[in-house]
Amino acid sequence: MELENLFEEYGECYDRFTFDNLFRKLLGLGYTHEEAKDLILYNCSLSAIIFQERLYNKHYKTIKQDDLISEDLKKMIIETFNANLPKHMLN
């Protein structure tokens, strides 16, 4: 996949799932973590949550190409699911 096409598809990274998916694609194309971060900063519109949770806190350095989803997002999904599950189903 050409970079131009990739950034047309992922030009807006407002959530962590989108950012992580794009980041993994760039790692798969052979870019380092720093290069992938710089390419995203240059080519994408980003939200404040991406700047804080992925860039400022340097979480992008822990993203692995082979993971389907980042550990922190797995935890968030589980917590959200459990919070919305009727109480009688938790026992």
N, C-alpha and C. Protein backbone atom coordinates (compact mmCIF):
# COMPACT_ATOMS: atom_id res chain seq x y z
N MET A 1 0.85 -1.18 0.00
CA MET A 1 0.00 0.00 0.00
C MET A 1 0.89 1.23 0.00
N GLU A 2 0.63 2.14 -0.91
CA GLU A 2 1.40 3.38 -0.98
C GLU A 2 1.05 4.29 0.19
N LEU A 3 2.03 5.07 0.63
CA LEU A 3 1.80 5.99 1.75
C LEU A 3 0.68 6.97 1.45
N GLU A 4 0.64 7.47 0.23
CA GLU A 4 -0.39 8.44 -0.13
C GLU A 4 -1.79 7.85 0.07
N ASN A 5 -1.99 6.63 -0.38
CA ASN A 5 -3.28 5.96 -0.21
C ASN A 5 -3.57 5.70 1.26
N LEU A 6 -2.56 5.34 1.99
CA LEU A 6 -2.72 5.05 3.41
C LEU A 6 -3.19 6.30 4.16
N PHE A 7 -2.60 7.44 3.85
CA PHE A 7 -2.98 8.66 4.55
C PHE A 7 -4.29 9.25 4.03
N GLU A 8 -4.70 8.89 2.84
CA GLU A 8 -6.04 9.25 2.39
C GLU A 8 -7.08 8.51 3.23
N GLU A 9 -6.80 7.24 3.50
CA GLU A 9 -7.72 6.43 4.30
C GLU A 9 -7.69 6.83 5.78
N TYR A 10 -6.52 7.16 6.29
CA TYR A 10 -6.35 7.46 7.72
C TYR A 10 -5.95 8.92 7.94
N GLY A 11 -6.49 9.82 7.20
CA GLY A 11 -6.13 11.23 7.32
C GLY A 11 -6.55 11.88 8.62
N GLU A 12 -7.56 11.29 9.27
CA GLU A 12 -8.03 11.80 10.55
C GLU A 12 -7.90 10.69 11.59
N CYS A 13 -7.12 10.97 12.60
CA CYS A 13 -6.93 10.00 13.69
C CYS A 13 -7.44 10.64 14.98
N TYR A 14 -8.73 10.50 15.20
CA TYR A 14 -9.32 11.13 16.38
C TYR A 14 -9.50 10.16 17.53
N ASP A 15 -9.33 8.86 17.29
CA ASP A 15 -9.48 7.89 18.37
C ASP A 15 -8.26 6.98 18.40
N ARG A 16 -8.07 6.34 19.53
CA ARG A 16 -6.88 5.51 19.73
C ARG A 16 -6.87 4.27 18.83
N PHE A 17 -8.04 3.73 18.52
CA PHE A 17 -8.09 2.55 17.66
C PHE A 17 -7.56 2.88 16.27
N THR A 18 -8.00 4.00 15.71
CA THR A 18 -7.56 4.41 14.38
C THR A 18 -6.06 4.69 14.37
N PHE A 19 -5.59 5.43 15.37
CA PHE A 19 -4.16 5.73 15.47
C PHE A 19 -3.34 4.44 15.53
N ASP A 20 -3.75 3.53 16.40
CA ASP A 20 -2.99 2.29 16.57
C ASP A 20 -2.99 1.46 15.29
N ASN A 21 -4.12 1.40 14.60
CA ASN A 21 -4.19 0.65 13.34
C ASN A 21 -3.24 1.23 12.30
N LEU A 22 -3.26 2.54 12.15
CA LEU A 22 -2.36 3.20 11.20
C LEU A 22 -0.91 2.97 11.61
N PHE A 23 -0.64 3.10 12.89
CA PHE A 23 0.72 2.91 13.39
C PHE A 23 1.22 1.51 13.06
N ARG A 24 0.37 0.50 13.27
CA ARG A 24 0.75 -0.88 12.96
C ARG A 24 1.01 -1.07 11.46
N LYS A 25 0.21 -0.44 10.64
CA LYS A 25 0.40 -0.54 9.19
C LYS A 25 1.76 0.04 8.80
N LEU A 26 2.12 1.16 9.41
CA LEU A 26 3.42 1.78 9.11
C LEU A 26 4.58 0.90 9.60
N LEU A 27 4.41 0.30 10.77
CA LEU A 27 5.44 -0.64 11.25
C LEU A 27 5.57 -1.80 10.27
N GLY A 28 4.44 -2.26 9.74
CA GLY A 28 4.45 -3.36 8.78
C GLY A 28 5.13 -3.00 7.47
N LEU A 29 5.16 -1.72 7.16
CA LEU A 29 5.84 -1.26 5.95
C LEU A 29 7.34 -1.04 6.18
N GLY A 30 7.78 -1.31 7.42
CA GLY A 30 9.21 -1.23 7.70
C GLY A 30 9.68 0.04 8.39
N TYR A 31 8.76 0.91 8.75
CA TYR A 31 9.14 2.13 9.46
C TYR A 31 9.39 1.84 10.93
N THR A 32 10.30 2.59 11.53
CA THR A 32 10.55 2.47 12.97
C THR A 32 9.42 3.18 13.72
N HIS A 33 9.39 3.01 15.02
CA HIS A 33 8.38 3.68 15.84
C HIS A 33 8.48 5.20 15.69
N GLU A 34 9.69 5.71 15.70
CA GLU A 34 9.88 7.17 15.57
C GLU A 34 9.47 7.67 14.19
N GLU A 35 9.82 6.92 13.15
CA GLU A 35 9.44 7.31 11.79
C GLU A 35 7.93 7.27 11.62
N ALA A 36 7.28 6.23 12.15
CA ALA A 36 5.83 6.12 12.05
C ALA A 36 5.16 7.29 12.76
N LYS A 37 5.65 7.61 13.96
CA LYS A 37 5.11 8.76 14.72
C LYS A 37 5.24 10.04 13.90
N ASP A 38 6.41 10.28 13.34
CA ASP A 38 6.65 11.50 12.56
C ASP A 38 5.77 11.56 11.31
N LEU A 39 5.60 10.43 10.62
CA LEU A 39 4.74 10.40 9.43
C LEU A 39 3.29 10.73 9.80
N ILE A 40 2.83 10.19 10.91
CA ILE A 40 1.46 10.47 11.34
C ILE A 40 1.32 11.94 11.73
N LEU A 41 2.28 12.48 12.47
CA LEU A 41 2.23 13.89 12.86
C LEU A 41 2.18 14.80 11.64
N TYR A 42 2.93 14.46 10.62
CA TYR A 42 3.00 15.29 9.43
C TYR A 42 1.77 15.16 8.54
N ASN A 43 1.18 13.99 8.47
CA ASN A 43 0.14 13.72 7.47
C ASN A 43 -1.29 13.63 8.00
N CYS A 44 -1.47 13.60 9.31
CA CYS A 44 -2.81 13.34 9.84
C CYS A 44 -3.30 14.47 10.75
N SER A 45 -4.60 14.59 10.78
CA SER A 45 -5.26 15.44 11.75
C SER A 45 -5.48 14.59 12.99
N LEU A 46 -5.05 15.08 14.15
CA LEU A 46 -5.09 14.29 15.38
C LEU A 46 -5.93 14.98 16.45
N SER A 47 -6.48 14.19 17.35
CA SER A 47 -7.25 14.73 18.46
C SER A 47 -6.36 14.91 19.68
N ALA A 48 -6.89 15.61 20.68
CA ALA A 48 -6.14 15.84 21.91
C ALA A 48 -5.84 14.53 22.63
N ILE A 49 -6.77 13.59 22.59
CA ILE A 49 -6.55 12.31 23.27
C ILE A 49 -5.39 11.55 22.64
N ILE A 50 -5.23 11.66 21.34
CA ILE A 50 -4.09 11.02 20.66
C ILE A 50 -2.79 11.67 21.11
N PHE A 51 -2.77 13.01 21.16
CA PHE A 51 -1.56 13.69 21.59
C PHE A 51 -1.18 13.29 23.02
N GLN A 52 -2.16 13.25 23.91
CA GLN A 52 -1.87 12.94 25.30
C GLN A 52 -1.57 11.47 25.52
N GLU A 53 -2.44 10.58 25.07
CA GLU A 53 -2.31 9.18 25.42
C GLU A 53 -1.38 8.38 24.51
N ARG A 54 -1.12 8.85 23.33
CA ARG A 54 -0.26 8.10 22.43
C ARG A 54 1.09 8.78 22.21
N LEU A 55 1.11 10.09 22.10
CA LEU A 55 2.36 10.79 21.78
C LEU A 55 3.06 11.33 23.03
N TYR A 56 2.40 12.21 23.78
CA TYR A 56 3.03 12.84 24.95
C TYR A 56 3.48 11.79 25.96
N ASN A 57 2.63 10.80 26.21
CA ASN A 57 2.97 9.75 27.18
C ASN A 57 3.84 8.65 26.57
N LYS A 58 4.18 8.81 25.30
CA LYS A 58 5.06 7.89 24.56
C LYS A 58 4.52 6.45 24.49
N HIS A 59 3.21 6.31 24.53
CA HIS A 59 2.61 4.98 24.40
C HIS A 59 2.88 4.38 23.02
N TYR A 60 3.07 5.22 22.01
CA TYR A 60 3.33 4.72 20.66
C TYR A 60 4.55 3.79 20.63
N LYS A 61 5.47 3.96 21.57
CA LYS A 61 6.67 3.11 21.60
C LYS A 61 6.36 1.67 21.99
N THR A 62 5.19 1.43 22.59
CA THR A 62 4.83 0.08 23.04
C THR A 62 3.94 -0.65 22.03
N ILE A 63 3.52 0.03 20.98
CA ILE A 63 2.65 -0.60 19.99
C ILE A 63 3.45 -1.62 19.19
N LYS A 64 2.89 -2.82 19.09
CA LYS A 64 3.56 -3.91 18.38
C LYS A 64 2.79 -4.22 17.11
N GLN A 65 3.50 -4.45 16.06
CA GLN A 65 2.89 -4.70 14.75
C GLN A 65 1.96 -5.91 14.77
N ASP A 66 2.32 -6.95 15.50
CA ASP A 66 1.56 -8.20 15.47
C ASP A 66 0.34 -8.21 16.38
N ASP A 67 0.21 -7.24 17.27
CA ASP A 67 -0.97 -7.19 18.14
C ASP A 67 -2.19 -6.75 17.35
N LEU A 68 -3.32 -7.36 17.64
CA LEU A 68 -4.57 -6.93 17.01
C LEU A 68 -5.10 -5.66 17.65
N ILE A 69 -4.86 -5.53 18.95
CA ILE A 69 -5.34 -4.38 19.70
C ILE A 69 -4.39 -4.14 20.87
N SER A 70 -4.16 -2.91 21.22
CA SER A 70 -3.25 -2.57 22.32
C SER A 70 -3.85 -2.98 23.65
N GLU A 71 -2.98 -3.31 24.59
CA GLU A 71 -3.41 -3.78 25.91
C GLU A 71 -4.32 -2.79 26.61
N ASP A 72 -4.01 -1.50 26.55
CA ASP A 72 -4.84 -0.51 27.24
C ASP A 72 -6.24 -0.44 26.63
N LEU A 73 -6.34 -0.67 25.34
CA LEU A 73 -7.66 -0.64 24.69
C LEU A 73 -8.45 -1.91 25.01
N LYS A 74 -7.75 -3.03 25.16
CA LYS A 74 -8.43 -4.26 25.59
C LYS A 74 -9.07 -4.05 26.95
N LYS A 75 -8.31 -3.46 27.87
CA LYS A 75 -8.82 -3.20 29.22
C LYS A 75 -10.01 -2.26 29.17
N MET A 76 -9.94 -1.23 28.32
CA MET A 76 -11.04 -0.27 28.21
C MET A 76 -12.31 -0.97 27.71
N ILE A 77 -12.18 -1.84 26.73
CA ILE A 77 -13.33 -2.56 26.18
C ILE A 77 -13.95 -3.45 27.26
N ILE A 78 -13.13 -4.16 27.99
CA ILE A 78 -13.63 -5.05 29.06
C ILE A 78 -14.33 -4.24 30.14
N GLU A 79 -13.73 -3.14 30.57
CA GLU A 79 -14.35 -2.30 31.59
C GLU A 79 -15.68 -1.73 31.12
N THR A 80 -15.74 -1.29 29.88
CA THR A 80 -16.98 -0.75 29.33
C THR A 80 -18.04 -1.83 29.25
N PHE A 81 -17.66 -3.00 28.79
CA PHE A 81 -18.60 -4.12 28.70
C PHE A 81 -19.15 -4.46 30.07
N ASN A 82 -18.26 -4.62 31.06
CA ASN A 82 -18.68 -4.97 32.42
C ASN A 82 -19.55 -3.89 33.05
N ALA A 83 -19.25 -2.63 32.78
CA ALA A 83 -20.04 -1.53 33.34
C ALA A 83 -21.45 -1.50 32.77
N ASN A 84 -21.64 -2.02 31.58
CA ASN A 84 -22.95 -1.99 30.94
C ASN A 84 -23.71 -3.30 31.04
N LEU A 85 -23.11 -4.27 31.67
CA LEU A 85 -23.75 -5.57 31.86
C LEU A 85 -24.72 -5.46 33.02
N PRO A 86 -25.93 -5.98 32.87
CA PRO A 86 -26.87 -5.95 34.00
C PRO A 86 -26.26 -6.63 35.23
N LYS A 87 -26.49 -6.07 36.39
CA LYS A 87 -25.87 -6.55 37.65
C LYS A 87 -26.15 -8.03 37.90
N HIS A 88 -27.34 -8.52 37.56
CA HIS A 88 -27.67 -9.91 37.85
C HIS A 88 -26.84 -10.88 36.99
N MET A 89 -26.25 -10.40 35.92
CA MET A 89 -25.44 -11.26 35.06
C MET A 89 -23.99 -11.37 35.56
N LEU A 90 -23.61 -10.53 36.48
CA LEU A 90 -22.23 -10.53 36.98
C LEU A 90 -22.03 -11.58 38.08
N ASN A 91 -23.07 -12.08 38.68
CA ASN A 91 -22.95 -13.07 39.76
C ASN A 91 -22.92 -14.48 39.25
